[in-house]
Amino acid sequence: MAIPTRYGTIYAQEVQMPSSWNEYISLVLTDSGFVTNSAIFGTDGRKWASTHGYGLTSDEIKTLVFGFIDPSKLWKDGVRVGGRTFTCTRAESGLIVGRESTEGTGCVVFRCNKCIVIATHEEGAHPGGCYNVVTKLGEYLKEQGI
């Protein structure tokens, strides 16, 4: 299958998706230059993969998973990710976005069928870049039934 791009045609057999969850973290998210830290957790709270040294507590994961159902706590208390709290700027059934306006940092959390993709960006990184990378990966995983 040929996929036309502005750089020429790419053939489907040339496109390889990562073979492990850690590769999704490194190759798709962190290596994009828009994501500083990231993690993928099952909706049951189990960690599938994360950036080396990046930790989230079970309470943070539970709050995020529940926040997709009822975001009122996120709006009130903020989005807590990796020990940091961000002001909730968007919360809907499949997407949560938080921002720390004084530092220019933020987070994006995308809910797939069986997991959540969590990413943060630091000052200097374009927030839209982090948002785009996370949502595209999330949509791909949802299409795969994950």
C-alpha atoms as a PDB file:
ATOM      1  CA  MET A   1       0.000   0.000   0.000  1.00  0.00           C
ATOM      2  CA  ALA A   2       1.400   3.398  -0.993  1.00  0.00           C
ATOM      3  CA  ILE A   3       0.973   6.384   1.327  1.00  0.00           C
ATOM      4  CA  PRO A   4       1.676   9.716  -0.391  1.00  0.00           C
ATOM      5  CA  THR A   5       3.364  12.350   1.783  1.00  0.00           C
ATOM      6  CA  ARG A   6       4.904  15.704   1.017  1.00  0.00           C
ATOM      7  CA  TYR A   7       8.300  13.992   1.191  1.00  0.00           C
ATOM      8  CA  GLY A   8       7.431  11.308  -1.342  1.00  0.00           C
ATOM      9  CA  THR A   9       5.631   7.990  -1.234  1.00  0.00           C
ATOM     10  CA  ILE A  10       5.997   5.640   1.713  1.00  0.00           C
ATOM     11  CA  TYR A  11       5.085   2.009   1.271  1.00  0.00           C
ATOM     12  CA  ALA A  12       3.198   0.346   4.136  1.00  0.00           C
ATOM     13  CA  GLN A  13       5.741  -2.427   4.589  1.00  0.00           C
ATOM     14  CA  GLU A  14       8.351   0.264   5.359  1.00  0.00           C
ATOM     15  CA  VAL A  15       6.307   1.614   8.278  1.00  0.00           C
ATOM     16  CA  GLN A  16       6.977  -0.351  11.453  1.00  0.00           C
ATOM     17  CA  MET A  17       5.254   0.342  14.707  1.00  0.00           C
ATOM     18  CA  PRO A  18       7.179  -0.318  17.926  1.00  0.00           C
ATOM     19  CA  SER A  19       7.216  -3.891  19.163  1.00  0.00           C
ATOM     20  CA  SER A  20       7.241  -3.152  22.916  1.00  0.00           C
ATOM     21  CA  TRP A  21       5.544  -0.669  25.223  1.00  0.00           C
ATOM     22  CA  ASN A  22       8.922   0.847  26.162  1.00  0.00           C
ATOM     23  CA  GLU A  23       9.531   1.572  22.475  1.00  0.00           C
ATOM     24  CA  TYR A  24       6.250   3.502  22.314  1.00  0.00           C
ATOM     25  CA  ILE A  25       7.526   5.603  25.206  1.00  0.00           C
ATOM     26  CA  SER A  26      10.956   6.269  23.709  1.00  0.00           C
ATOM     27  CA  LEU A  27      10.469   6.209  19.926  1.00  0.00           C
ATOM     28  CA  VAL A  28       7.019   7.724  19.625  1.00  0.00           C
ATOM     29  CA  LEU A  29       6.734  10.046  22.622  1.00  0.00           C
ATOM     30  CA  THR A  30      10.051  11.171  24.130  1.00  0.00           C
ATOM     31  CA  ASP A  31      12.078  11.147  20.915  1.00  0.00           C
ATOM     32  CA  SER A  32       9.486  13.492  19.366  1.00  0.00           C
ATOM     33  CA  GLY A  33      11.117  16.374  21.254  1.00  0.00           C
ATOM     34  CA  PHE A  34       7.727  17.518  22.554  1.00  0.00           C
ATOM     35  CA  VAL A  35       7.414  15.114  25.500  1.00  0.00           C
ATOM     36  CA  THR A  36       9.690  15.161  28.549  1.00  0.00           C
ATOM     37  CA  ASN A  37       8.260  12.271  30.560  1.00  0.00           C
ATOM     38  CA  SER A  38       5.612   9.738  29.665  1.00  0.00           C
ATOM     39  CA  ALA A  39       3.956   6.553  30.816  1.00  0.00           C
ATOM     40  CA  ILE A  40       1.366   4.043  29.706  1.00  0.00           C
ATOM     41  CA  PHE A  41      -0.813   2.479  32.393  1.00  0.00           C
ATOM     42  CA  GLY A  42      -3.607  -0.031  32.100  1.00  0.00           C
ATOM     43  CA  THR A  43      -6.986   1.252  33.211  1.00  0.00           C
ATOM     44  CA  ASP A  44      -6.612  -1.272  36.055  1.00  0.00           C
ATOM     45  CA  GLY A  45      -3.675   0.779  37.380  1.00  0.00           C
ATOM     46  CA  ARG A  46      -0.814  -1.509  36.250  1.00  0.00           C
ATOM     47  CA  LYS A  47       2.189   0.189  34.676  1.00  0.00           C
ATOM     48  CA  TRP A  48       2.920  -0.986  31.121  1.00  0.00           C
ATOM     49  CA  ALA A  49       5.891   1.320  30.482  1.00  0.00           C
ATOM     50  CA  SER A  50       7.343   4.682  31.455  1.00  0.00           C
ATOM     51  CA  THR A  51      10.241   7.018  30.908  1.00  0.00           C
ATOM     52  CA  HIS A  52      13.173   5.879  33.047  1.00  0.00           C
ATOM     53  CA  GLY A  53      12.747   7.219  36.576  1.00  0.00           C
ATOM     54  CA  TYR A  54       9.268   8.653  35.941  1.00  0.00           C
ATOM     55  CA  GLY A  55       6.840   7.496  38.598  1.00  0.00           C
ATOM     56  CA  LEU A  56       3.180   7.975  39.207  1.00  0.00           C
ATOM     57  CA  THR A  57       1.382   6.846  42.340  1.00  0.00           C
ATOM     58  CA  SER A  58      -1.577   4.500  42.332  1.00  0.00           C
ATOM     59  CA  ASP A  59      -3.715   7.371  43.675  1.00  0.00           C
ATOM     60  CA  GLU A  60      -2.699   9.566  40.741  1.00  0.00           C
ATOM     61  CA  ILE A  61      -3.668   6.821  38.279  1.00  0.00           C
ATOM     62  CA  LYS A  62      -6.999   6.145  40.020  1.00  0.00           C
ATOM     63  CA  THR A  63      -7.828   9.856  39.997  1.00  0.00           C
ATOM     64  CA  LEU A  64      -7.018  10.117  36.282  1.00  0.00           C
ATOM     65  CA  VAL A  65      -9.055   7.032  35.348  1.00  0.00           C
ATOM     66  CA  PHE A  66     -12.014   8.290  37.427  1.00  0.00           C
ATOM     67  CA  GLY A  67     -11.495  11.798  35.992  1.00  0.00           C
ATOM     68  CA  PHE A  68     -12.554  10.556  32.573  1.00  0.00           C
ATOM     69  CA  ILE A  69     -15.931   9.603  34.108  1.00  0.00           C
ATOM     70  CA  ASP A  70     -16.374  12.553  36.471  1.00  0.00           C
ATOM     71  CA  PRO A  71     -13.851  15.370  35.994  1.00  0.00           C
ATOM     72  CA  SER A  72     -15.173  17.557  38.843  1.00  0.00           C
ATOM     73  CA  LYS A  73     -12.242  16.638  41.140  1.00  0.00           C
ATOM     74  CA  LEU A  74      -9.768  17.518  38.374  1.00  0.00           C
ATOM     75  CA  TRP A  75     -11.407  20.903  37.835  1.00  0.00           C
ATOM     76  CA  LYS A  76     -11.367  21.573  41.581  1.00  0.00           C
ATOM     77  CA  ASP A  77      -7.995  20.147  42.670  1.00  0.00           C
ATOM     78  CA  GLY A  78      -6.025  20.074  39.420  1.00  0.00           C
ATOM     79  CA  VAL A  79      -4.409  17.250  37.473  1.00  0.00           C
ATOM     80  CA  ARG A  80      -1.757  15.491  39.565  1.00  0.00           C
ATOM     81  CA  VAL A  81       0.840  13.656  37.468  1.00  0.00           C
ATOM     82  CA  GLY A  82       4.271  12.487  38.590  1.00  0.00           C
ATOM     83  CA  GLY A  83       4.064  14.399  41.862  1.00  0.00           C
ATOM     84  CA  ARG A  84       3.204  17.697  40.156  1.00  0.00           C
ATOM     85  CA  THR A  85      -0.148  19.431  40.030  1.00  0.00           C
ATOM     86  CA  PHE A  86      -1.352  21.169  36.873  1.00  0.00           C
ATOM     87  CA  THR A  87      -4.413  23.374  36.426  1.00  0.00           C
ATOM     88  CA  CYS A  88      -7.045  21.428  34.508  1.00  0.00           C
ATOM     89  CA  THR A  89      -7.719  23.241  31.228  1.00  0.00           C
ATOM     90  CA  ARG A  90      -9.609  20.450  29.454  1.00  0.00           C
ATOM     91  CA  ALA A  91     -11.384  17.336  30.689  1.00  0.00           C
ATOM     92  CA  GLU A  92     -13.674  15.211  28.579  1.00  0.00           C
ATOM     93  CA  SER A  93     -14.452  11.533  28.101  1.00  0.00           C
ATOM     94  CA  GLY A  94     -11.140  10.644  26.461  1.00  0.00           C
ATOM     95  CA  LEU A  95      -8.764  13.543  27.077  1.00  0.00           C
ATOM     96  CA  ILE A  96      -7.405  15.499  30.036  1.00  0.00           C
ATOM     97  CA  VAL A  97      -5.075  18.480  29.637  1.00  0.00           C
ATOM     98  CA  GLY A  98      -3.333  20.349  32.438  1.00  0.00           C
ATOM     99  CA  ARG A  99      -1.105  23.415  32.427  1.00  0.00           C
ATOM    100  CA  GLU A 100       1.134  25.263  34.858  1.00  0.00           C
ATOM    101  CA  SER A 101       1.022  28.782  33.484  1.00  0.00           C
ATOM    102  CA  THR A 102       3.861  30.314  35.505  1.00  0.00           C
ATOM    103  CA  GLU A 103       6.376  27.668  34.410  1.00  0.00           C
ATOM    104  CA  GLY A 104       4.998  26.926  30.938  1.00  0.00           C
ATOM    105  CA  THR A 105       4.804  23.205  31.679  1.00  0.00           C
ATOM    106  CA  GLY A 106       1.858  20.891  31.184  1.00  0.00           C
ATOM    107  CA  CYS A 107       0.453  17.411  30.801  1.00  0.00           C
ATOM    108  CA  VAL A 108      -1.743  15.493  28.391  1.00  0.00           C
ATOM    109  CA  VAL A 109      -3.590  12.297  29.328  1.00  0.00           C
ATOM    110  CA  PHE A 110      -5.407  10.226  26.693  1.00  0.00           C
ATOM    111  CA  ARG A 111      -7.761   7.350  27.491  1.00  0.00           C
ATOM    112  CA  CYS A 112      -7.685   4.391  25.134  1.00  0.00           C
ATOM    113  CA  ASN A 113      -9.826   1.248  25.436  1.00  0.00           C
ATOM    114  CA  LYS A 114      -7.553  -0.595  27.905  1.00  0.00           C
ATOM    115  CA  CYS A 115      -4.912   1.949  28.882  1.00  0.00           C
ATOM    116  CA  ILE A 116      -4.121   5.615  29.439  1.00  0.00           C
ATOM    117  CA  VAL A 117      -1.220   7.467  27.835  1.00  0.00           C
ATOM    118  CA  ILE A 118       0.290  10.152  30.085  1.00  0.00           C
ATOM    119  CA  ALA A 119       2.840  12.741  28.989  1.00  0.00           C
ATOM    120  CA  THR A 120       4.358  15.936  30.352  1.00  0.00           C
ATOM    121  CA  HIS A 121       6.218  18.726  28.634  1.00  0.00           C
ATOM    122  CA  GLU A 122       8.581  21.232  30.140  1.00  0.00           C
ATOM    123  CA  GLU A 123       9.069  24.933  29.589  1.00  0.00           C
ATOM    124  CA  GLY A 124      10.284  25.629  26.073  1.00  0.00           C
ATOM    125  CA  ALA A 125       8.486  22.694  24.488  1.00  0.00           C
ATOM    126  CA  HIS A 126       5.452  23.629  22.422  1.00  0.00           C
ATOM    127  CA  PRO A 127       2.316  22.401  24.257  1.00  0.00           C
ATOM    128  CA  GLY A 128       0.569  21.704  20.947  1.00  0.00           C
ATOM    129  CA  GLY A 129       3.356  19.333  19.954  1.00  0.00           C
ATOM    130  CA  CYS A 130       2.899  17.253  23.112  1.00  0.00           C
ATOM    131  CA  TYR A 131      -0.876  17.274  22.604  1.00  0.00           C
ATOM    132  CA  ASN A 132      -0.597  16.134  18.978  1.00  0.00           C
ATOM    133  CA  VAL A 133       1.873  13.317  19.663  1.00  0.00           C
ATOM    134  CA  VAL A 134      -0.150  11.932  22.579  1.00  0.00           C
ATOM    135  CA  THR A 135      -3.531  12.133  20.832  1.00  0.00           C
ATOM    136  CA  LYS A 136      -2.209  10.529  17.632  1.00  0.00           C
ATOM    137  CA  LEU A 137      -0.696   7.646  19.595  1.00  0.00           C
ATOM    138  CA  GLY A 138      -3.880   7.317  21.650  1.00  0.00           C
ATOM    139  CA  GLU A 139      -6.076   7.233  18.553  1.00  0.00           C
ATOM    140  CA  TYR A 140      -3.816   4.600  16.988  1.00  0.00           C
ATOM    141  CA  LEU A 141      -3.992   2.420  20.115  1.00  0.00           C
ATOM    142  CA  LYS A 142      -7.786   2.785  20.239  1.00  0.00           C
ATOM    143  CA  GLU A 143      -8.036   1.721  16.595  1.00  0.00           C
ATOM    144  CA  GLN A 144      -5.996  -1.369  17.500  1.00  0.00           C
ATOM    145  CA  GLY A 145      -8.465  -2.196  20.279  1.00  0.00           C
ATOM    146  CA  ILE A 146      -5.956  -1.404  23.032  1.00  0.00           C
END
